Amino acid sequence: MDIVQFASALYKVLQQREDDLVKFMANGGAQDYEQYRGLVGELQGLAFAREEVKALLEKSEEDVEQLLTGT
């Protein structure tokens, strides 16, 4: 698996988790305000990570490999 395939797979996993959390919260899944805040924080983190992966995927494969390997 090359870097671009890995980043694409990671993007899909992050998107699926985000979708699952949104559905969970929309159905009143949070038991209390503390859990709700935790879920919102997780959603914010997932959204940030997904956007960063998306930005990497929009660059050329060579640019992504250089960024991730530091060479």
C-alpha atoms as a PDB file:
ATOM      1  CA  MET A   1       0.000   0.000   0.000  1.00  0.00           C
ATOM      2  CA  ASP A   2       1.489   3.321  -0.980  1.00  0.00           C
ATOM      3  CA  ILE A   3       1.119   6.606   0.874  1.00  0.00           C
ATOM      4  CA  VAL A   4      -1.779   7.899  -1.224  1.00  0.00           C
ATOM      5  CA  GLN A   5      -3.757   4.689  -0.757  1.00  0.00           C
ATOM      6  CA  PHE A   6      -3.090   4.834   2.983  1.00  0.00           C
ATOM      7  CA  ALA A   7      -4.226   8.468   3.184  1.00  0.00           C
ATOM      8  CA  SER A   8      -7.377   7.646   1.203  1.00  0.00           C
ATOM      9  CA  ALA A   9      -8.196   4.725   3.480  1.00  0.00           C
ATOM     10  CA  LEU A  10      -7.579   6.872   6.567  1.00  0.00           C
ATOM     11  CA  TYR A  11      -9.832   9.616   5.178  1.00  0.00           C
ATOM     12  CA  LYS A  12     -12.656   7.088   4.730  1.00  0.00           C
ATOM     13  CA  VAL A  13     -12.235   5.736   8.278  1.00  0.00           C
ATOM     14  CA  LEU A  14     -12.302   9.251   9.732  1.00  0.00           C
ATOM     15  CA  GLN A  15     -15.393  10.144   7.691  1.00  0.00           C
ATOM     16  CA  GLN A  16     -17.207   6.977   8.776  1.00  0.00           C
ATOM     17  CA  ARG A  17     -16.482   7.622  12.462  1.00  0.00           C
ATOM     18  CA  GLU A  18     -17.653  11.206  12.084  1.00  0.00           C
ATOM     19  CA  ASP A  19     -20.885  10.053  10.416  1.00  0.00           C
ATOM     20  CA  ASP A  20     -21.458   7.467  13.159  1.00  0.00           C
ATOM     21  CA  LEU A  21     -20.999  10.062  15.914  1.00  0.00           C
ATOM     22  CA  VAL A  22     -23.348  12.527  14.216  1.00  0.00           C
ATOM     23  CA  LYS A  23     -26.061   9.853  13.972  1.00  0.00           C
ATOM     24  CA  PHE A  24     -25.471   8.816  17.583  1.00  0.00           C
ATOM     25  CA  MET A  25     -25.797  12.378  18.816  1.00  0.00           C
ATOM     26  CA  ALA A  26     -28.791  13.151  16.589  1.00  0.00           C
ATOM     27  CA  ASN A  27     -30.619  10.228  18.171  1.00  0.00           C
ATOM     28  CA  GLY A  28     -29.988  11.555  21.680  1.00  0.00           C
ATOM     29  CA  GLY A  29     -27.175   9.129  22.425  1.00  0.00           C
ATOM     30  CA  ALA A  30     -25.314  11.377  24.857  1.00  0.00           C
ATOM     31  CA  GLN A  31     -26.310  10.442  28.402  1.00  0.00           C
ATOM     32  CA  ASP A  32     -25.302  13.753  29.950  1.00  0.00           C
ATOM     33  CA  TYR A  33     -23.649  17.066  29.178  1.00  0.00           C
ATOM     34  CA  GLU A  34     -20.171  15.734  29.986  1.00  0.00           C
ATOM     35  CA  GLN A  35     -20.507  12.935  27.441  1.00  0.00           C
ATOM     36  CA  TYR A  36     -21.970  15.389  24.926  1.00  0.00           C
ATOM     37  CA  ARG A  37     -18.945  17.676  25.329  1.00  0.00           C
ATOM     38  CA  GLY A  38     -16.618  14.717  24.840  1.00  0.00           C
ATOM     39  CA  LEU A  39     -18.419  13.701  21.664  1.00  0.00           C
ATOM     40  CA  VAL A  40     -18.325  17.243  20.305  1.00  0.00           C
ATOM     41  CA  GLY A  41     -14.590  17.352  21.008  1.00  0.00           C
ATOM     42  CA  GLU A  42     -14.090  14.066  19.202  1.00  0.00           C
ATOM     43  CA  LEU A  43     -16.086  15.360  16.230  1.00  0.00           C
ATOM     44  CA  GLN A  44     -13.948  18.490  16.097  1.00  0.00           C
ATOM     45  CA  GLY A  45     -10.791  16.405  16.150  1.00  0.00           C
ATOM     46  CA  LEU A  46     -12.068  14.078  13.449  1.00  0.00           C
ATOM     47  CA  ALA A  47     -13.091  16.985  11.228  1.00  0.00           C
ATOM     48  CA  PHE A  48      -9.675  18.592  11.630  1.00  0.00           C
ATOM     49  CA  ALA A  49      -7.828  15.348  10.884  1.00  0.00           C
ATOM     50  CA  ARG A  50     -10.044  14.611   7.881  1.00  0.00           C
ATOM     51  CA  GLU A  51      -9.445  18.058   6.403  1.00  0.00           C
ATOM     52  CA  GLU A  52      -5.679  17.683   6.868  1.00  0.00           C
ATOM     53  CA  VAL A  53      -5.723  14.301   5.114  1.00  0.00           C
ATOM     54  CA  LYS A  54      -7.853  15.801   2.343  1.00  0.00           C
ATOM     55  CA  ALA A  55      -5.332  18.617   1.891  1.00  0.00           C
ATOM     56  CA  LEU A  56      -2.532  16.048   1.618  1.00  0.00           C
ATOM     57  CA  LEU A  57      -4.460  14.058  -0.969  1.00  0.00           C
ATOM     58  CA  GLU A  58      -4.911  17.174  -3.076  1.00  0.00           C
ATOM     59  CA  LYS A  59      -1.148  17.558  -3.343  1.00  0.00           C
ATOM     60  CA  SER A  60       0.880  15.432  -5.720  1.00  0.00           C
ATOM     61  CA  GLU A  61       1.938  11.958  -4.586  1.00  0.00           C
ATOM     62  CA  GLU A  62       5.586  13.006  -4.534  1.00  0.00           C
ATOM     63  CA  ASP A  63       4.819  16.022  -2.323  1.00  0.00           C
ATOM     64  CA  VAL A  64       2.894  13.806   0.117  1.00  0.00           C
ATOM     65  CA  GLU A  65       5.706  11.252   0.317  1.00  0.00           C
ATOM     66  CA  GLN A  66       8.257  13.996   0.957  1.00  0.00           C
ATOM     67  CA  LEU A  67       6.088  15.512   3.671  1.00  0.00           C
ATOM     68  CA  LEU A  68       5.476  12.213   5.456  1.00  0.00           C
ATOM     69  CA  THR A  69       8.991  10.806   5.169  1.00  0.00           C
ATOM     70  CA  GLY A  70      10.826  14.082   5.679  1.00  0.00           C
ATOM     71  CA  THR A  71      13.101  13.520   2.680  1.00  0.00           C
END
